[in-house]
């Protein structure tokens, strides 16, 4: 159907694989991730929900330490 956008939910592309990497600035240097209070609350809620459902912990829901590499 013309005008319908492809959401990209079911295919993996090289571009979507790049998006999930470690954040970098415009020059390609690694940058520190700074979590807002709201984001930390969302991560905590998601971890609690997984625990309540009996699912194993997810590394995606654990904030990286501020001091260095994870």
PDB file of N, CA and C in Angstrom:
ATOM      1  N   UNK A   1       0.843  -1.171   0.000  1.00  0.00           N
ATOM      2  CA  UNK A   1       0.000   0.000   0.000  1.00  0.00           C
ATOM      3  C   UNK A   1       0.894   1.241   0.000  1.00  0.00           C
ATOM      4  N   UNK A   2       0.746   2.119  -0.941  1.00  0.00           N
ATOM      5  CA  UNK A   2       1.587   3.310  -0.991  1.00  0.00           C
ATOM      6  C   UNK A   2       1.364   4.198   0.233  1.00  0.00           C
ATOM      7  N   UNK A   3       2.440   4.776   0.716  1.00  0.00           N
ATOM      8  CA  UNK A   3       2.334   5.666   1.864  1.00  0.00           C
ATOM      9  C   UNK A   3       2.454   4.965   3.205  1.00  0.00           C
ATOM     10  N   UNK A   4       2.454   3.634   3.204  1.00  0.00           N
ATOM     11  CA  UNK A   4       2.584   2.902   4.451  1.00  0.00           C
ATOM     12  C   UNK A   4       4.055   2.817   4.815  1.00  0.00           C
ATOM     13  N   UNK A   5       4.382   3.194   6.022  1.00  0.00           N
ATOM     14  CA  UNK A   5       5.781   3.163   6.441  1.00  0.00           C
ATOM     15  C   UNK A   5       6.164   1.778   6.934  1.00  0.00           C
ATOM     16  N   UNK A   6       7.385   1.393   6.635  1.00  0.00           N
ATOM     17  CA  UNK A   6       7.931   0.132   7.146  1.00  0.00           C
ATOM     18  C   UNK A   6       8.453   0.391   8.553  1.00  0.00           C
ATOM     19  N   UNK A   7       7.918  -0.305   9.527  1.00  0.00           N
ATOM     20  CA  UNK A   7       8.314  -0.087  10.917  1.00  0.00           C
ATOM     21  C   UNK A   7       9.617  -0.786  11.269  1.00  0.00           C
ATOM     22  N   UNK A   8       9.988  -1.795  10.540  1.00  0.00           N
ATOM     23  CA  UNK A   8      11.238  -2.486  10.806  1.00  0.00           C
ATOM     24  C   UNK A   8      11.192  -3.334  12.072  1.00  0.00           C
ATOM     25  N   UNK A   9      10.018  -3.866  12.392  1.00  0.00           N
ATOM     26  CA  UNK A   9       9.885  -4.645  13.609  1.00  0.00           C
ATOM     27  C   UNK A   9      10.411  -6.060  13.472  1.00  0.00           C
ATOM     28  N   UNK A  10      10.386  -6.608  12.258  1.00  0.00           N
ATOM     29  CA  UNK A  10      10.681  -8.022  12.100  1.00  0.00           C
ATOM     30  C   UNK A  10      11.912  -8.302  11.248  1.00  0.00           C
ATOM     31  N   UNK A  11      12.676  -7.291  10.934  1.00  0.00           N
ATOM     32  CA  UNK A  11      13.886  -7.542  10.165  1.00  0.00           C
ATOM     33  C   UNK A  11      15.064  -6.836  10.830  1.00  0.00           C
ATOM     34  N   UNK A  12      16.197  -7.459  10.725  1.00  0.00           N
ATOM     35  CA  UNK A  12      17.417  -6.871  11.279  1.00  0.00           C
ATOM     36  C   UNK A  12      18.197  -6.255  10.136  1.00  0.00           C
ATOM     37  N   UNK A  13      18.617  -5.048  10.340  1.00  0.00           N
ATOM     38  CA  UNK A  13      19.427  -4.399   9.320  1.00  0.00           C
ATOM     39  C   UNK A  13      20.721  -3.910   9.947  1.00  0.00           C
ATOM     40  N   UNK A  14      21.678  -3.620   9.133  1.00  0.00           N
ATOM     41  CA  UNK A  14      22.965  -3.134   9.630  1.00  0.00           C
ATOM     42  C   UNK A  14      22.771  -1.812  10.364  1.00  0.00           C
ATOM     43  N   UNK A  15      21.873  -0.987   9.883  1.00  0.00           N
ATOM     44  CA  UNK A  15      21.645   0.302  10.531  1.00  0.00           C
ATOM     45  C   UNK A  15      21.061   0.131  11.928  1.00  0.00           C
ATOM     46  N   UNK A  16      20.102  -0.766  12.103  1.00  0.00           N
ATOM     47  CA  UNK A  16      19.511  -0.954  13.431  1.00  0.00           C
ATOM     48  C   UNK A  16      20.518  -1.583  14.386  1.00  0.00           C
ATOM     49  N   UNK A  17      21.455  -2.371  13.860  1.00  0.00           N
ATOM     50  CA  UNK A  17      22.484  -2.954  14.711  1.00  0.00           C
ATOM     51  C   UNK A  17      23.433  -1.888  15.233  1.00  0.00           C
ATOM     52  N   UNK A  18      23.693  -0.854  14.442  1.00  0.00           N
ATOM     53  CA  UNK A  18      24.572   0.241  14.858  1.00  0.00           C
ATOM     54  C   UNK A  18      23.948   1.065  15.985  1.00  0.00           C
ATOM     55  N   UNK A  19      22.652   1.201  15.973  1.00  0.00           N
ATOM     56  CA  UNK A  19      21.961   2.073  16.918  1.00  0.00           C
ATOM     57  C   UNK A  19      22.149   1.609  18.354  1.00  0.00           C
ATOM     58  N   UNK A  20      22.250   0.299  18.596  1.00  0.00           N
ATOM     59  CA  UNK A  20      22.323  -0.218  19.951  1.00  0.00           C
ATOM     60  C   UNK A  20      23.734  -0.254  20.538  1.00  0.00           C
ATOM     61  N   UNK A  21      24.708   0.214  19.818  1.00  0.00           N
ATOM     62  CA  UNK A  21      26.068   0.176  20.314  1.00  0.00           C
ATOM     63  C   UNK A  21      26.305   1.203  21.416  1.00  0.00           C
ATOM     64  N   UNK A  22      27.555   1.277  21.853  1.00  0.00           N
ATOM     65  CA  UNK A  22      27.906   2.265  22.869  1.00  0.00           C
ATOM     66  C   UNK A  22      27.807   3.647  22.252  1.00  0.00           C
ATOM     67  N   UNK A  23      27.238   4.614  22.986  1.00  0.00           N
ATOM     68  CA  UNK A  23      27.042   5.955  22.411  1.00  0.00           C
ATOM     69  C   UNK A  23      28.370   6.627  22.056  1.00  0.00           C
ATOM     70  N   UNK A  24      28.361   7.350  20.944  1.00  0.00           N
ATOM     71  CA  UNK A  24      29.546   8.065  20.479  1.00  0.00           C
ATOM     72  C   UNK A  24      29.156   9.480  20.093  1.00  0.00           C
ATOM     73  N   UNK A  25      30.132  10.381  20.135  1.00  0.00           N
ATOM     74  CA  UNK A  25      29.870  11.747  19.710  1.00  0.00           C
ATOM     75  C   UNK A  25      30.059  11.851  18.200  1.00  0.00           C
ATOM     76  N   UNK A  26      29.982  13.072  17.653  1.00  0.00           N
ATOM     77  CA  UNK A  26      30.069  13.272  16.214  1.00  0.00           C
ATOM     78  C   UNK A  26      31.423  12.851  15.648  1.00  0.00           C
ATOM     79  N   UNK A  27      32.465  12.876  16.458  1.00  0.00           N
ATOM     80  CA  UNK A  27      33.794  12.476  15.998  1.00  0.00           C
ATOM     81  C   UNK A  27      34.046  10.981  16.159  1.00  0.00           C
ATOM     82  N   UNK A  28      33.085  10.247  16.692  1.00  0.00           N
ATOM     83  CA  UNK A  28      33.228   8.815  16.855  1.00  0.00           C
ATOM     84  C   UNK A  28      33.835   8.389  18.178  1.00  0.00           C
ATOM     85  N   UNK A  29      34.049   9.338  19.084  1.00  0.00           N
ATOM     86  CA  UNK A  29      34.613   9.012  20.393  1.00  0.00           C
ATOM     87  C   UNK A  29      33.499   8.526  21.321  1.00  0.00           C
ATOM     88  N   UNK A  30      33.843   7.584  22.210  1.00  0.00           N
ATOM     89  CA  UNK A  30      32.857   7.098  23.175  1.00  0.00           C
ATOM     90  C   UNK A  30      32.483   8.204  24.146  1.00  0.00           C
ATOM     91  N   UNK A  31      31.218   8.246  24.511  1.00  0.00           N
ATOM     92  CA  UNK A  31      30.741   9.236  25.479  1.00  0.00           C
ATOM     93  C   UNK A  31      30.119   8.518  26.669  1.00  0.00           C
ATOM     94  N   UNK A  32      30.116   9.173  27.796  1.00  0.00           N
ATOM     95  CA  UNK A  32      29.537   8.614  29.015  1.00  0.00           C
ATOM     96  C   UNK A  32      28.012   8.721  28.955  1.00  0.00           C
ATOM     97  N   UNK A  33      27.355   7.673  29.377  1.00  0.00           N
ATOM     98  CA  UNK A  33      25.896   7.681  29.443  1.00  0.00           C
ATOM     99  C   UNK A  33      25.490   8.325  30.757  1.00  0.00           C
ATOM    100  N   UNK A  34      24.623   9.313  30.660  1.00  0.00           N
ATOM    101  CA  UNK A  34      24.114   9.973  31.864  1.00  0.00           C
ATOM    102  C   UNK A  34      22.632   9.638  31.990  1.00  0.00           C
ATOM    103  N   UNK A  35      22.290   8.999  33.087  1.00  0.00           N
ATOM    104  CA  UNK A  35      20.906   8.584  33.307  1.00  0.00           C
ATOM    105  C   UNK A  35      20.166   9.649  34.105  1.00  0.00           C
ATOM    106  N   UNK A  36      18.994  10.029  33.622  1.00  0.00           N
ATOM    107  CA  UNK A  36      18.158  10.954  34.380  1.00  0.00           C
ATOM    108  C   UNK A  36      17.467  10.181  35.497  1.00  0.00           C
ATOM    109  N   UNK A  37      16.953  10.916  36.459  1.00  0.00           N
ATOM    110  CA  UNK A  37      16.226  10.283  37.563  1.00  0.00           C
ATOM    111  C   UNK A  37      15.011   9.512  37.036  1.00  0.00           C
ATOM    112  N   UNK A  38      14.346  10.066  36.030  1.00  0.00           N
ATOM    113  CA  UNK A  38      13.170   9.406  35.450  1.00  0.00           C
ATOM    114  C   UNK A  38      13.571   8.096  34.778  1.00  0.00           C
ATOM    115  N   UNK A  39      14.697   8.091  34.066  1.00  0.00           N
ATOM    116  CA  UNK A  39      15.141   6.879  33.391  1.00  0.00           C
ATOM    117  C   UNK A  39      15.531   5.800  34.397  1.00  0.00           C
ATOM    118  N   UNK A  40      16.208   6.195  35.465  1.00  0.00           N
ATOM    119  CA  UNK A  40      16.560   5.229  36.510  1.00  0.00           C
ATOM    120  C   UNK A  40      15.309   4.630  37.146  1.00  0.00           C
ATOM    121  N   UNK A  41      14.258   5.421  37.312  1.00  0.00           N
ATOM    122  CA  UNK A  41      13.000   4.924  37.878  1.00  0.00           C
ATOM    123  C   UNK A  41      12.349   3.915  36.927  1.00  0.00           C
ATOM    124  N   UNK A  42      12.396   4.206  35.633  1.00  0.00           N
ATOM    125  CA  UNK A  42      11.830   3.282  34.638  1.00  0.00           C
ATOM    126  C   UNK A  42      12.599   1.958  34.654  1.00  0.00           C
ATOM    127  N   UNK A  43      13.928   2.030  34.709  1.00  0.00           N
ATOM    128  CA  UNK A  43      14.735   0.809  34.749  1.00  0.00           C
ATOM    129  C   UNK A  43      14.437  -0.010  36.001  1.00  0.00           C
ATOM    130  N   UNK A  44      14.301   0.661  37.133  1.00  0.00           N
ATOM    131  CA  UNK A  44      13.987  -0.037  38.386  1.00  0.00           C
ATOM    132  C   UNK A  44      12.615  -0.705  38.311  1.00  0.00           C
ATOM    133  N   UNK A  45      11.632   0.006  37.754  1.00  0.00           N
ATOM    134  CA  UNK A  45      10.289  -0.565  37.607  1.00  0.00           C
ATOM    135  C   UNK A  45      10.309  -1.779  36.686  1.00  0.00           C
ATOM    136  N   UNK A  46      11.048  -1.686  35.583  1.00  0.00           N
ATOM    137  CA  UNK A  46      11.139  -2.815  34.648  1.00  0.00           C
ATOM    138  C   UNK A  46      11.824  -4.018  35.312  1.00  0.00           C
ATOM    139  N   UNK A  47      12.886  -3.768  36.078  1.00  0.00           N
ATOM    140  CA  UNK A  47      13.548  -4.871  36.789  1.00  0.00           C
ATOM    141  C   UNK A  47      12.594  -5.524  37.781  1.00  0.00           C
ATOM    142  N   UNK A  48      11.825  -4.707  38.488  1.00  0.00           N
ATOM    143  CA  UNK A  48      10.875  -5.236  39.469  1.00  0.00           C
ATOM    144  C   UNK A  48       9.770  -6.052  38.791  1.00  0.00           C
ATOM    145  N   UNK A  49       9.289  -5.568  37.643  1.00  0.00           N
ATOM    146  CA  UNK A  49       8.248  -6.299  36.915  1.00  0.00           C
ATOM    147  C   UNK A  49       8.769  -7.656  36.441  1.00  0.00           C
ATOM    148  N   UNK A  50      10.001  -7.704  35.923  1.00  0.00           N
ATOM    149  CA  UNK A  50      10.585  -8.978  35.498  1.00  0.00           C
ATOM    150  C   UNK A  50      10.706  -9.934  36.679  1.00  0.00           C
ATOM    151  N   UNK A  51      11.122  -9.403  37.819  1.00  0.00           N
ATOM    152  CA  UNK A  51      11.252 -10.240  39.017  1.00  0.00           C
ATOM    153  C   UNK A  51       9.894 -10.779  39.446  1.00  0.00           C
ATOM    154  N   UNK A  52       8.864  -9.930  39.413  1.00  0.00           N
ATOM    155  CA  UNK A  52       7.520 -10.355  39.801  1.00  0.00           C
ATOM    156  C   UNK A  52       6.967 -11.448  38.877  1.00  0.00           C
ATOM    157  N   UNK A  53       7.351 -11.401  37.591  1.00  0.00           N
ATOM    158  CA  UNK A  53       6.884 -12.396  36.634  1.00  0.00           C
ATOM    159  C   UNK A  53       7.749 -13.648  36.630  1.00  0.00           C
ATOM    160  N   UNK A  54       8.832 -13.641  37.397  1.00  0.00           N
ATOM    161  CA  UNK A  54       9.701 -14.800  37.461  1.00  0.00           C
ATOM    162  C   UNK A  54      10.676 -14.906  36.302  1.00  0.00           C
ATOM    163  N   UNK A  55      10.919 -13.798  35.615  1.00  0.00           N
ATOM    164  CA  UNK A  55      11.861 -13.801  34.500  1.00  0.00           C
ATOM    165  C   UNK A  55      13.275 -13.538  35.005  1.00  0.00           C
ATOM    166  N   UNK A  56      14.279 -14.032  34.303  1.00  0.00           N
ATOM    167  CA  UNK A  56      15.661 -13.792  34.735  1.00  0.00           C
ATOM    168  C   UNK A  56      16.026 -12.313  34.553  1.00  0.00           C
ATOM    169  N   UNK A  57      17.006 -11.820  35.307  1.00  0.00           N
ATOM    170  CA  UNK A  57      17.436 -10.429  35.162  1.00  0.00           C
ATOM    171  C   UNK A  57      17.970 -10.162  33.754  1.00  0.00           C
ATOM    172  N   UNK A  58      17.818  -8.932  33.302  1.00  0.00           N
ATOM    173  CA  UNK A  58      18.289  -8.536  31.983  1.00  0.00           C
ATOM    174  C   UNK A  58      19.401  -7.502  32.121  1.00  0.00           C
ATOM    175  N   UNK A  59      20.496  -7.708  31.393  1.00  0.00           N
ATOM    176  CA  UNK A  59      21.598  -6.750  31.457  1.00  0.00           C
ATOM    177  C   UNK A  59      21.212  -5.406  30.835  1.00  0.00           C
ATOM    178  N   UNK A  60      20.205  -5.390  29.973  1.00  0.00           N
ATOM    179  CA  UNK A  60      19.756  -4.137  29.354  1.00  0.00           C
ATOM    180  C   UNK A  60      19.097  -3.211  30.371  1.00  0.00           C
ATOM    181  N   UNK A  61      18.641  -3.766  31.487  1.00  0.00           N
ATOM    182  CA  UNK A  61      17.947  -2.963  32.491  1.00  0.00           C
ATOM    183  C   UNK A  61      18.845  -2.536  33.629  1.00  0.00           C
ATOM    184  N   UNK A  62      20.138  -2.825  33.531  1.00  0.00           N
ATOM    185  CA  UNK A  62      21.085  -2.460  34.566  1.00  0.00           C
ATOM    186  C   UNK A  62      21.908  -1.277  34.091  1.00  0.00           C
ATOM    187  N   UNK A  63      21.829  -0.137  34.778  1.00  0.00           N
ATOM    188  CA  UNK A  63      22.615   1.017  34.354  1.00  0.00           C
ATOM    189  C   UNK A  63      24.107   0.729  34.426  1.00  0.00           C
ATOM    190  N   UNK A  64      24.860   1.268  33.510  1.00  0.00           N
ATOM    191  CA  UNK A  64      26.317   1.098  33.517  1.00  0.00           C
ATOM    192  C   UNK A  64      26.905   1.975  34.609  1.00  0.00           C
ATOM    193  N   UNK A  65      27.985   1.524  35.224  1.00  0.00           N
ATOM    194  CA  UNK A  65      28.617   2.347  36.265  1.00  0.00           C
ATOM    195  C   UNK A  65      29.189   3.633  35.661  1.00  0.00           C
ATOM    196  N   UNK A  66      29.149   4.694  36.446  1.00  0.00           N
ATOM    197  CA  UNK A  66      29.594   5.994  35.969  1.00  0.00           C
ATOM    198  C   UNK A  66      31.108   6.057  35.805  1.00  0.00           C
ATOM    199  N   UNK A  67      31.843   5.183  36.467  1.00  0.00           N
ATOM    200  CA  UNK A  67      33.290   5.278  36.480  1.00  0.00           C
ATOM    201  C   UNK A  67      34.029   4.642  35.331  1.00  0.00           C
ATOM    202  N   UNK A  68      33.405   3.813  34.522  1.00  0.00           N
ATOM    203  CA  UNK A  68      34.180   3.187  33.460  1.00  0.00           C
ATOM    204  C   UNK A  68      33.381   2.196  32.645  1.00  0.00           C
ATOM    205  N   UNK A  69      34.089   1.307  32.006  1.00  0.00           N
ATOM    206  CA  UNK A  69      33.458   0.328  31.114  1.00  0.00           C
ATOM    207  C   UNK A  69      32.717  -0.736  31.920  1.00  0.00           C
ATOM    208  N   UNK A  70      31.690  -1.258  31.286  1.00  0.00           N
ATOM    209  CA  UNK A  70      30.877  -2.273  31.957  1.00  0.00           C
ATOM    210  C   UNK A  70      31.394  -3.650  31.725  1.00  0.00           C
TER     211      UNK A  70
END
